[in-house]
Amino acid sequence: MSTVAFTDHLRDHAPDEPVEVAGATVAEALSAALAGRDRLRSYVFDEQGRLRRHVAVFVDGKLIADRVALSDPITPASELFVMQALSGG
């Protein structure tokens, strides 16, 4: 199974350990990882269900190409990492 891990900045709402999920695309993996985690989902996706601008998703260390449909393929060995960009000074 693929794993989905979340940046420490989301740790208040995310599991401490990576979540094992099944799926063939980033969309399927995120849907599984966020199931039952509504607060975390609201940090990752906006009200229209789109990936928020300040959120980046990596698959096996590479930034995903499709931020709209999240159709990038994954394998059972894939490691997904969800990162929240920070701003400020």
PDB file of N, CA and C in Angstrom:
ATOM      1  N   MET A   1       0.827  -1.188   0.000  1.00  0.00           N
ATOM      2  CA  MET A   1       0.000   0.000   0.000  1.00  0.00           C
ATOM      3  C   MET A   1       0.869   1.247   0.000  1.00  0.00           C
ATOM      4  N   SER A   2       0.368   2.287  -0.623  1.00  0.00           N
ATOM      5  CA  SER A   2       1.048   3.578  -0.612  1.00  0.00           C
ATOM      6  C   SER A   2       0.945   4.183   0.781  1.00  0.00           C
ATOM      7  N   THR A   3       1.819   5.141   1.059  1.00  0.00           N
ATOM      8  CA  THR A   3       1.733   5.855   2.325  1.00  0.00           C
ATOM      9  C   THR A   3       1.580   7.345   2.061  1.00  0.00           C
ATOM     10  N   VAL A   4       0.840   8.005   2.943  1.00  0.00           N
ATOM     11  CA  VAL A   4       0.664   9.452   2.884  1.00  0.00           C
ATOM     12  C   VAL A   4       1.136  10.017   4.215  1.00  0.00           C
ATOM     13  N   ALA A   5       2.093  10.938   4.138  1.00  0.00           N
ATOM     14  CA  ALA A   5       2.613  11.600   5.331  1.00  0.00           C
ATOM     15  C   ALA A   5       2.324  13.094   5.220  1.00  0.00           C
ATOM     16  N   PHE A   6       2.194  13.730   6.370  1.00  0.00           N
ATOM     17  CA  PHE A   6       1.873  15.150   6.411  1.00  0.00           C
ATOM     18  C   PHE A   6       2.978  15.912   7.125  1.00  0.00           C
ATOM     19  N   THR A   7       3.228  17.135   6.665  1.00  0.00           N
ATOM     20  CA  THR A   7       4.236  17.990   7.270  1.00  0.00           C
ATOM     21  C   THR A   7       3.928  18.236   8.747  1.00  0.00           C
ATOM     22  N   ASP A   8       4.943  18.538   9.509  1.00  0.00           N
ATOM     23  CA  ASP A   8       4.773  18.812  10.934  1.00  0.00           C
ATOM     24  C   ASP A   8       3.837  19.996  11.179  1.00  0.00           C
ATOM     25  N   HIS A   9       3.746  20.912  10.223  1.00  0.00           N
ATOM     26  CA  HIS A   9       2.887  22.088  10.383  1.00  0.00           C
ATOM     27  C   HIS A   9       1.408  21.711  10.438  1.00  0.00           C
ATOM     28  N   LEU A  10       1.079  20.531   9.958  1.00  0.00           N
ATOM     29  CA  LEU A  10      -0.303  20.049  10.006  1.00  0.00           C
ATOM     30  C   LEU A  10      -0.502  19.024  11.122  1.00  0.00           C
ATOM     31  N   ARG A  11       0.516  18.837  11.934  1.00  0.00           N
ATOM     32  CA  ARG A  11       0.520  17.768  12.921  1.00  0.00           C
ATOM     33  C   ARG A  11      -0.615  17.871  13.945  1.00  0.00           C
ATOM     34  N   ASP A  12      -1.119  19.075  14.207  1.00  0.00           N
ATOM     35  CA  ASP A  12      -2.237  19.197  15.152  1.00  0.00           C
ATOM     36  C   ASP A  12      -3.476  18.469  14.654  1.00  0.00           C
ATOM     37  N   HIS A  13      -3.577  18.307  13.344  1.00  0.00           N
ATOM     38  CA  HIS A  13      -4.759  17.690  12.747  1.00  0.00           C
ATOM     39  C   HIS A  13      -4.444  16.406  11.992  1.00  0.00           C
ATOM     40  N   ALA A  14      -3.167  16.129  11.801  1.00  0.00           N
ATOM     41  CA  ALA A  14      -2.752  14.964  11.014  1.00  0.00           C
ATOM     42  C   ALA A  14      -2.227  13.865  11.933  1.00  0.00           C
ATOM     43  N   PRO A  15      -2.273  12.638  11.460  1.00  0.00           N
ATOM     44  CA  PRO A  15      -1.699  11.543  12.251  1.00  0.00           C
ATOM     45  C   PRO A  15      -0.182  11.698  12.361  1.00  0.00           C
ATOM     46  N   ASP A  16       0.369  11.211  13.457  1.00  0.00           N
ATOM     47  CA  ASP A  16       1.815  11.301  13.666  1.00  0.00           C
ATOM     48  C   ASP A  16       2.599  10.448  12.678  1.00  0.00           C
ATOM     49  N   GLU A  17       2.055   9.332  12.326  1.00  0.00           N
ATOM     50  CA  GLU A  17       2.729   8.395  11.428  1.00  0.00           C
ATOM     51  C   GLU A  17       2.079   8.439  10.047  1.00  0.00           C
ATOM     52  N   PRO A  18       2.833   8.078   8.998  1.00  0.00           N
ATOM     53  CA  PRO A  18       2.228   8.003   7.662  1.00  0.00           C
ATOM     54  C   PRO A  18       1.043   7.039   7.652  1.00  0.00           C
ATOM     55  N   VAL A  19       0.066   7.366   6.827  1.00  0.00           N
ATOM     56  CA  VAL A  19      -1.153   6.567   6.701  1.00  0.00           C
ATOM     57  C   VAL A  19      -1.018   5.659   5.487  1.00  0.00           C
ATOM     58  N   GLU A  20      -1.303   4.379   5.657  1.00  0.00           N
ATOM     59  CA  GLU A  20      -1.289   3.452   4.525  1.00  0.00           C
ATOM     60  C   GLU A  20      -2.628   3.530   3.812  1.00  0.00           C
ATOM     61  N   VAL A  21      -2.564   3.677   2.488  1.00  0.00           N
ATOM     62  CA  VAL A  21      -3.789   3.822   1.694  1.00  0.00           C
ATOM     63  C   VAL A  21      -3.677   3.013   0.416  1.00  0.00           C
ATOM     64  N   ALA A  22      -4.830   2.690  -0.137  1.00  0.00           N
ATOM     65  CA  ALA A  22      -4.892   2.060  -1.449  1.00  0.00           C
ATOM     66  C   ALA A  22      -5.342   3.119  -2.444  1.00  0.00           C
ATOM     67  N   GLY A  23      -4.919   2.970  -3.675  1.00  0.00           N
ATOM     68  CA  GLY A  23      -5.343   3.897  -4.719  1.00  0.00           C
ATOM     69  C   GLY A  23      -4.375   3.878  -5.874  1.00  0.00           C
ATOM     70  N   ALA A  24      -4.857   4.317  -7.021  1.00  0.00           N
ATOM     71  CA  ALA A  24      -4.034   4.350  -8.229  1.00  0.00           C
ATOM     72  C   ALA A  24      -3.624   5.764  -8.611  1.00  0.00           C
ATOM     73  N   THR A  25      -4.231   6.778  -7.954  1.00  0.00           N
ATOM     74  CA  THR A  25      -3.911   8.174  -8.248  1.00  0.00           C
ATOM     75  C   THR A  25      -3.734   8.948  -6.947  1.00  0.00           C
ATOM     76  N   VAL A  26      -3.176  10.139  -7.083  1.00  0.00           N
ATOM     77  CA  VAL A  26      -3.032  11.011  -5.921  1.00  0.00           C
ATOM     78  C   VAL A  26      -4.400  11.316  -5.321  1.00  0.00           C
ATOM     79  N   ALA A  27      -5.400  11.562  -6.169  1.00  0.00           N
ATOM     80  CA  ALA A  27      -6.752  11.861  -5.676  1.00  0.00           C
ATOM     81  C   ALA A  27      -7.290  10.731  -4.813  1.00  0.00           C
ATOM     82  N   GLU A  28      -7.135   9.503  -5.262  1.00  0.00           N
ATOM     83  CA  GLU A  28      -7.637   8.358  -4.502  1.00  0.00           C
ATOM     84  C   GLU A  28      -6.888   8.203  -3.185  1.00  0.00           C
ATOM     85  N   ALA A  29      -5.581   8.402  -3.216  1.00  0.00           N
ATOM     86  CA  ALA A  29      -4.781   8.266  -1.998  1.00  0.00           C
ATOM     87  C   ALA A  29      -5.143   9.339  -0.976  1.00  0.00           C
ATOM     88  N   LEU A  30      -5.286  10.585  -1.430  1.00  0.00           N
ATOM     89  CA  LEU A  30      -5.645  11.655  -0.501  1.00  0.00           C
ATOM     90  C   LEU A  30      -7.046  11.463   0.050  1.00  0.00           C
ATOM     91  N   SER A  31      -7.956  11.024  -0.789  1.00  0.00           N
ATOM     92  CA  SER A  31      -9.322  10.770  -0.328  1.00  0.00           C
ATOM     93  C   SER A  31      -9.323   9.741   0.796  1.00  0.00           C
ATOM     94  N   ALA A  32      -8.559   8.684   0.625  1.00  0.00           N
ATOM     95  CA  ALA A  32      -8.476   7.640   1.648  1.00  0.00           C
ATOM     96  C   ALA A  32      -7.787   8.157   2.913  1.00  0.00           C
ATOM     97  N   ALA A  33      -6.708   8.905   2.742  1.00  0.00           N
ATOM     98  CA  ALA A  33      -5.955   9.397   3.897  1.00  0.00           C
ATOM     99  C   ALA A  33      -6.742  10.423   4.704  1.00  0.00           C
ATOM    100  N   LEU A  34      -7.618  11.171   4.043  1.00  0.00           N
ATOM    101  CA  LEU A  34      -8.370  12.229   4.714  1.00  0.00           C
ATOM    102  C   LEU A  34      -9.754  11.791   5.181  1.00  0.00           C
ATOM    103  N   ALA A  35     -10.119  10.551   4.888  1.00  0.00           N
ATOM    104  CA  ALA A  35     -11.433  10.048   5.307  1.00  0.00           C
ATOM    105  C   ALA A  35     -11.566  10.144   6.826  1.00  0.00           C
ATOM    106  N   GLY A  36     -12.624  10.792   7.284  1.00  0.00           N
ATOM    107  CA  GLY A  36     -12.857  10.940   8.712  1.00  0.00           C
ATOM    108  C   GLY A  36     -12.007  11.999   9.381  1.00  0.00           C
ATOM    109  N   ARG A  37     -11.246  12.734   8.603  1.00  0.00           N
ATOM    110  CA  ARG A  37     -10.384  13.790   9.141  1.00  0.00           C
ATOM    111  C   ARG A  37     -10.806  15.128   8.527  1.00  0.00           C
ATOM    112  N   ASP A  38     -12.000  15.573   8.851  1.00  0.00           N
ATOM    113  CA  ASP A  38     -12.571  16.764   8.224  1.00  0.00           C
ATOM    114  C   ASP A  38     -11.747  18.026   8.468  1.00  0.00           C
ATOM    115  N   ARG A  39     -11.231  18.176   9.655  1.00  0.00           N
ATOM    116  CA  ARG A  39     -10.421  19.374   9.962  1.00  0.00           C
ATOM    117  C   ARG A  39      -9.169  19.400   9.091  1.00  0.00           C
ATOM    118  N   LEU A  40      -8.496  18.286   8.972  1.00  0.00           N
ATOM    119  CA  LEU A  40      -7.308  18.203   8.129  1.00  0.00           C
ATOM    120  C   LEU A  40      -7.681  18.429   6.668  1.00  0.00           C
ATOM    121  N   ARG A  41      -8.780  17.841   6.230  1.00  0.00           N
ATOM    122  CA  ARG A  41      -9.243  18.022   4.851  1.00  0.00           C
ATOM    123  C   ARG A  41      -9.417  19.509   4.536  1.00  0.00           C
ATOM    124  N   SER A  42      -9.916  20.282   5.500  1.00  0.00           N
ATOM    125  CA  SER A  42     -10.144  21.711   5.260  1.00  0.00           C
ATOM    126  C   SER A  42      -8.839  22.492   5.130  1.00  0.00           C
ATOM    127  N   TYR A  43      -7.748  21.968   5.637  1.00  0.00           N
ATOM    128  CA  TYR A  43      -6.449  22.598   5.451  1.00  0.00           C
ATOM    129  C   TYR A  43      -5.851  22.242   4.094  1.00  0.00           C
ATOM    130  N   VAL A  44      -6.211  21.091   3.566  1.00  0.00           N
ATOM    131  CA  VAL A  44      -5.648  20.613   2.298  1.00  0.00           C
ATOM    132  C   VAL A  44      -6.483  21.080   1.107  1.00  0.00           C
ATOM    133  N   PHE A  45      -7.809  21.030   1.245  1.00  0.00           N
ATOM    134  CA  PHE A  45      -8.716  21.390   0.150  1.00  0.00           C
ATOM    135  C   PHE A  45      -9.570  22.592   0.532  1.00  0.00           C
ATOM    136  N   ASP A  46      -9.925  23.403  -0.478  1.00  0.00           N
ATOM    137  CA  ASP A  46     -10.805  24.543  -0.223  1.00  0.00           C
ATOM    138  C   ASP A  46     -12.271  24.112  -0.254  1.00  0.00           C
ATOM    139  N   GLU A  47     -13.166  25.073  -0.160  1.00  0.00           N
ATOM    140  CA  GLU A  47     -14.597  24.791  -0.099  1.00  0.00           C
ATOM    141  C   GLU A  47     -15.134  24.144  -1.374  1.00  0.00           C
ATOM    142  N   GLN A  48     -14.445  24.348  -2.498  1.00  0.00           N
ATOM    143  CA  GLN A  48     -14.856  23.742  -3.764  1.00  0.00           C
ATOM    144  C   GLN A  48     -14.180  22.393  -4.012  1.00  0.00           C
ATOM    145  N   GLY A  49     -13.414  21.922  -3.043  1.00  0.00           N
ATOM    146  CA  GLY A  49     -12.742  20.639  -3.174  1.00  0.00           C
ATOM    147  C   GLY A  49     -11.447  20.692  -3.961  1.00  0.00           C
ATOM    148  N   ARG A  50     -10.934  21.906  -4.191  1.00  0.00           N
ATOM    149  CA  ARG A  50      -9.667  22.062  -4.913  1.00  0.00           C
ATOM    150  C   ARG A  50      -8.512  22.114  -3.925  1.00  0.00           C
ATOM    151  N   LEU A  51      -7.382  21.600  -4.366  1.00  0.00           N
ATOM    152  CA  LEU A  51      -6.174  21.667  -3.551  1.00  0.00           C
ATOM    153  C   LEU A  51      -5.857  23.134  -3.277  1.00  0.00           C
ATOM    154  N   ARG A  52      -5.634  23.464  -2.035  1.00  0.00           N
ATOM    155  CA  ARG A  52      -5.332  24.860  -1.698  1.00  0.00           C
ATOM    156  C   ARG A  52      -4.005  25.285  -2.323  1.00  0.00           C
ATOM    157  N   ARG A  53      -3.913  26.579  -2.649  1.00  0.00           N
ATOM    158  CA  ARG A  53      -2.713  27.120  -3.312  1.00  0.00           C
ATOM    159  C   ARG A  53      -1.450  26.901  -2.499  1.00  0.00           C
ATOM    160  N   HIS A  54      -1.555  26.983  -1.202  1.00  0.00           N
ATOM    161  CA  HIS A  54      -0.377  26.888  -0.340  1.00  0.00           C
ATOM    162  C   HIS A  54      -0.016  25.447   0.039  1.00  0.00           C
ATOM    163  N   VAL A  55      -0.701  24.475  -0.552  1.00  0.00           N
ATOM    164  CA  VAL A  55      -0.420  23.068  -0.266  1.00  0.00           C
ATOM    165  C   VAL A  55       0.298  22.444  -1.459  1.00  0.00           C
ATOM    166  N   ALA A  56       1.366  21.732  -1.176  1.00  0.00           N
ATOM    167  CA  ALA A  56       2.111  21.015  -2.208  1.00  0.00           C
ATOM    168  C   ALA A  56       2.075  19.525  -1.887  1.00  0.00           C
ATOM    169  N   VAL A  57       1.925  18.718  -2.924  1.00  0.00           N
ATOM    170  CA  VAL A  57       1.901  17.267  -2.757  1.00  0.00           C
ATOM    171  C   VAL A  57       3.039  16.676  -3.580  1.00  0.00           C
ATOM    172  N   PHE A  58       3.819  15.834  -2.944  1.00  0.00           N
ATOM    173  CA  PHE A  58       4.940  15.170  -3.596  1.00  0.00           C
ATOM    174  C   PHE A  58       4.679  13.671  -3.641  1.00  0.00           C
ATOM    175  N   VAL A  59       5.068  13.049  -4.738  1.00  0.00           N
ATOM    176  CA  VAL A  59       5.014  11.591  -4.868  1.00  0.00           C
ATOM    177  C   VAL A  59       6.435  11.123  -5.114  1.00  0.00           C
ATOM    178  N   ASP A  60       6.931  10.318  -4.215  1.00  0.00           N
ATOM    179  CA  ASP A  60       8.294   9.795  -4.313  1.00  0.00           C
ATOM    180  C   ASP A  60       9.305  10.916  -4.541  1.00  0.00           C
ATOM    181  N   GLY A  61       9.110  12.019  -3.817  1.00  0.00           N
ATOM    182  CA  GLY A  61      10.046  13.133  -3.856  1.00  0.00           C
ATOM    183  C   GLY A  61       9.859  14.115  -4.990  1.00  0.00           C
ATOM    184  N   LYS A  62       8.870  13.902  -5.853  1.00  0.00           N
ATOM    185  CA  LYS A  62       8.641  14.798  -6.991  1.00  0.00           C
ATOM    186  C   LYS A  62       7.286  15.482  -6.847  1.00  0.00           C
ATOM    187  N   LEU A  63       7.275  16.792  -7.096  1.00  0.00           N
ATOM    188  CA  LEU A  63       6.041  17.569  -7.034  1.00  0.00           C
ATOM    189  C   LEU A  63       5.059  17.057  -8.077  1.00  0.00           C
ATOM    190  N   ILE A  64       3.791  16.897  -7.693  1.00  0.00           N
ATOM    191  CA  ILE A  64       2.804  16.391  -8.645  1.00  0.00           C
ATOM    192  C   ILE A  64       2.606  17.397  -9.774  1.00  0.00           C
ATOM    193  N   ALA A  65       2.236  16.891 -10.945  1.00  0.00           N
ATOM    194  CA  ALA A  65       2.020  17.741 -12.120  1.00  0.00           C
ATOM    195  C   ALA A  65       0.586  18.244 -12.199  1.00  0.00           C
ATOM    196  N   ASP A  66      -0.366  17.427 -11.793  1.00  0.00           N
ATOM    197  CA  ASP A  66      -1.787  17.756 -11.945  1.00  0.00           C
ATOM    198  C   ASP A  66      -2.378  18.202 -10.614  1.00  0.00           C
ATOM    199  N   ARG A  67      -2.426  19.515 -10.400  1.00  0.00           N
ATOM    200  CA  ARG A  67      -2.987  20.067  -9.157  1.00  0.00           C
ATOM    201  C   ARG A  67      -4.504  20.191  -9.218  1.00  0.00           C
ATOM    202  N   VAL A  68      -5.103  19.973 -10.387  1.00  0.00           N
ATOM    203  CA  VAL A  68      -6.551  20.138 -10.531  1.00  0.00           C
ATOM    204  C   VAL A  68      -7.274  18.819 -10.263  1.00  0.00           C
ATOM    205  N   ALA A  69      -7.020  17.812 -11.083  1.00  0.00           N
ATOM    206  CA  ALA A  69      -7.697  16.518 -10.929  1.00  0.00           C
ATOM    207  C   ALA A  69      -6.920  15.557 -10.035  1.00  0.00           C
ATOM    208  N   LEU A  70      -5.670  15.903  -9.721  1.00  0.00           N
ATOM    209  CA  LEU A  70      -4.805  15.047  -8.898  1.00  0.00           C
ATOM    210  C   LEU A  70      -4.697  13.649  -9.505  1.00  0.00           C
ATOM    211  N   SER A  71      -4.535  13.626 -10.821  1.00  0.00           N
ATOM    212  CA  SER A  71      -4.542  12.358 -11.557  1.00  0.00           C
ATOM    213  C   SER A  71      -3.177  11.699 -11.678  1.00  0.00           C
ATOM    214  N   ASP A  72      -2.152  12.280 -11.080  1.00  0.00           N
ATOM    215  CA  ASP A  72      -0.827  11.667 -11.152  1.00  0.00           C
ATOM    216  C   ASP A  72      -0.918  10.230 -10.643  1.00  0.00           C
ATOM    217  N   PRO A  73      -0.347   9.286 -11.385  1.00  0.00           N
ATOM    218  CA  PRO A  73      -0.433   7.886 -10.960  1.00  0.00           C
ATOM    219  C   PRO A  73       0.498   7.587  -9.788  1.00  0.00           C
ATOM    220  N   ILE A  74       0.087   6.632  -8.980  1.00  0.00           N
ATOM    221  CA  ILE A  74       0.927   6.142  -7.895  1.00  0.00           C
ATOM    222  C   ILE A  74       0.945   4.620  -7.947  1.00  0.00           C
ATOM    223  N   THR A  75       1.899   4.042  -7.260  1.00  0.00           N
ATOM    224  CA  THR A  75       2.007   2.585  -7.161  1.00  0.00           C
ATOM    225  C   THR A  75       1.836   2.193  -5.693  1.00  0.00           C
ATOM    226  N   PRO A  76       1.683   0.912  -5.424  1.00  0.00           N
ATOM    227  CA  PRO A  76       1.585   0.487  -4.021  1.00  0.00           C
ATOM    228  C   PRO A  76       2.823   0.847  -3.191  1.00  0.00           C
ATOM    229  N   ALA A  77       3.947   1.092  -3.847  1.00  0.00           N
ATOM    230  CA  ALA A  77       5.165   1.447  -3.125  1.00  0.00           C
ATOM    231  C   ALA A  77       5.364   2.958  -3.003  1.00  0.00           C
ATOM    232  N   SER A  78       4.454   3.744  -3.558  1.00  0.00           N
ATOM    233  CA  SER A  78       4.616   5.202  -3.562  1.00  0.00           C
ATOM    234  C   SER A  78       4.519   5.793  -2.161  1.00  0.00           C
ATOM    235  N   GLU A  79       5.305   6.855  -1.964  1.00  0.00           N
ATOM    236  CA  GLU A  79       5.256   7.627  -0.728  1.00  0.00           C
ATOM    237  C   GLU A  79       4.808   9.036  -1.087  1.00  0.00           C
ATOM    238  N   LEU A  80       3.670   9.438  -0.557  1.00  0.00           N
ATOM    239  CA  LEU A  80       3.146  10.779  -0.787  1.00  0.00           C
ATOM    240  C   LEU A  80       3.445  11.636   0.425  1.00  0.00           C
ATOM    241  N   PHE A  81       3.780  12.897   0.175  1.00  0.00           N
ATOM    242  CA  PHE A  81       4.048  13.836   1.257  1.00  0.00           C
ATOM    243  C   PHE A  81       3.245  15.098   0.998  1.00  0.00           C
ATOM    244  N   VAL A  82       2.467  15.514   1.972  1.00  0.00           N
ATOM    245  CA  VAL A  82       1.632  16.708   1.860  1.00  0.00           C
ATOM    246  C   VAL A  82       2.277  17.800   2.705  1.00  0.00           C
ATOM    247  N   MET A  83       2.593  18.905   2.037  1.00  0.00           N
ATOM    248  CA  MET A  83       3.324  19.990   2.676  1.00  0.00           C
ATOM    249  C   MET A  83       2.516  21.276   2.588  1.00  0.00           C
ATOM    250  N   GLN A  84       2.522  22.040   3.649  1.00  0.00           N
ATOM    251  CA  GLN A  84       1.848  23.330   3.675  1.00  0.00           C
ATOM    252  C   GLN A  84       2.909  24.421   3.659  1.00  0.00           C
ATOM    253  N   ALA A  85       2.868  25.276   2.632  1.00  0.00           N
ATOM    254  CA  ALA A  85       3.829  26.371   2.543  1.00  0.00           C
ATOM    255  C   ALA A  85       3.517  27.395   3.628  1.00  0.00           C
ATOM    256  N   LEU A  86       4.550  27.958   4.193  1.00  0.00           N
ATOM    257  CA  LEU A  86       4.389  28.977   5.225  1.00  0.00           C
ATOM    258  C   LEU A  86       4.834  30.317   4.672  1.00  0.00           C
ATOM    259  N   SER A  87       4.208  31.364   5.143  1.00  0.00           N
ATOM    260  CA  SER A  87       4.610  32.699   4.723  1.00  0.00           C
ATOM    261  C   SER A  87       4.680  33.587   5.954  1.00  0.00           C
ATOM    262  N   GLY A  88       5.227  34.733   5.764  1.00  0.00           N
ATOM    263  CA  GLY A  88       5.338  35.666   6.876  1.00  0.00           C
ATOM    264  C   GLY A  88       6.763  36.132   7.029  1.00  0.00           C
ATOM    265  N   GLY A  89       6.986  36.907   8.028  1.00  0.00           N
ATOM    266  CA  GLY A  89       8.333  37.425   8.188  1.00  0.00           C
ATOM    267  C   GLY A  89       8.681  37.675   9.611  1.00  0.00           C
TER     268      GLY A  89
END
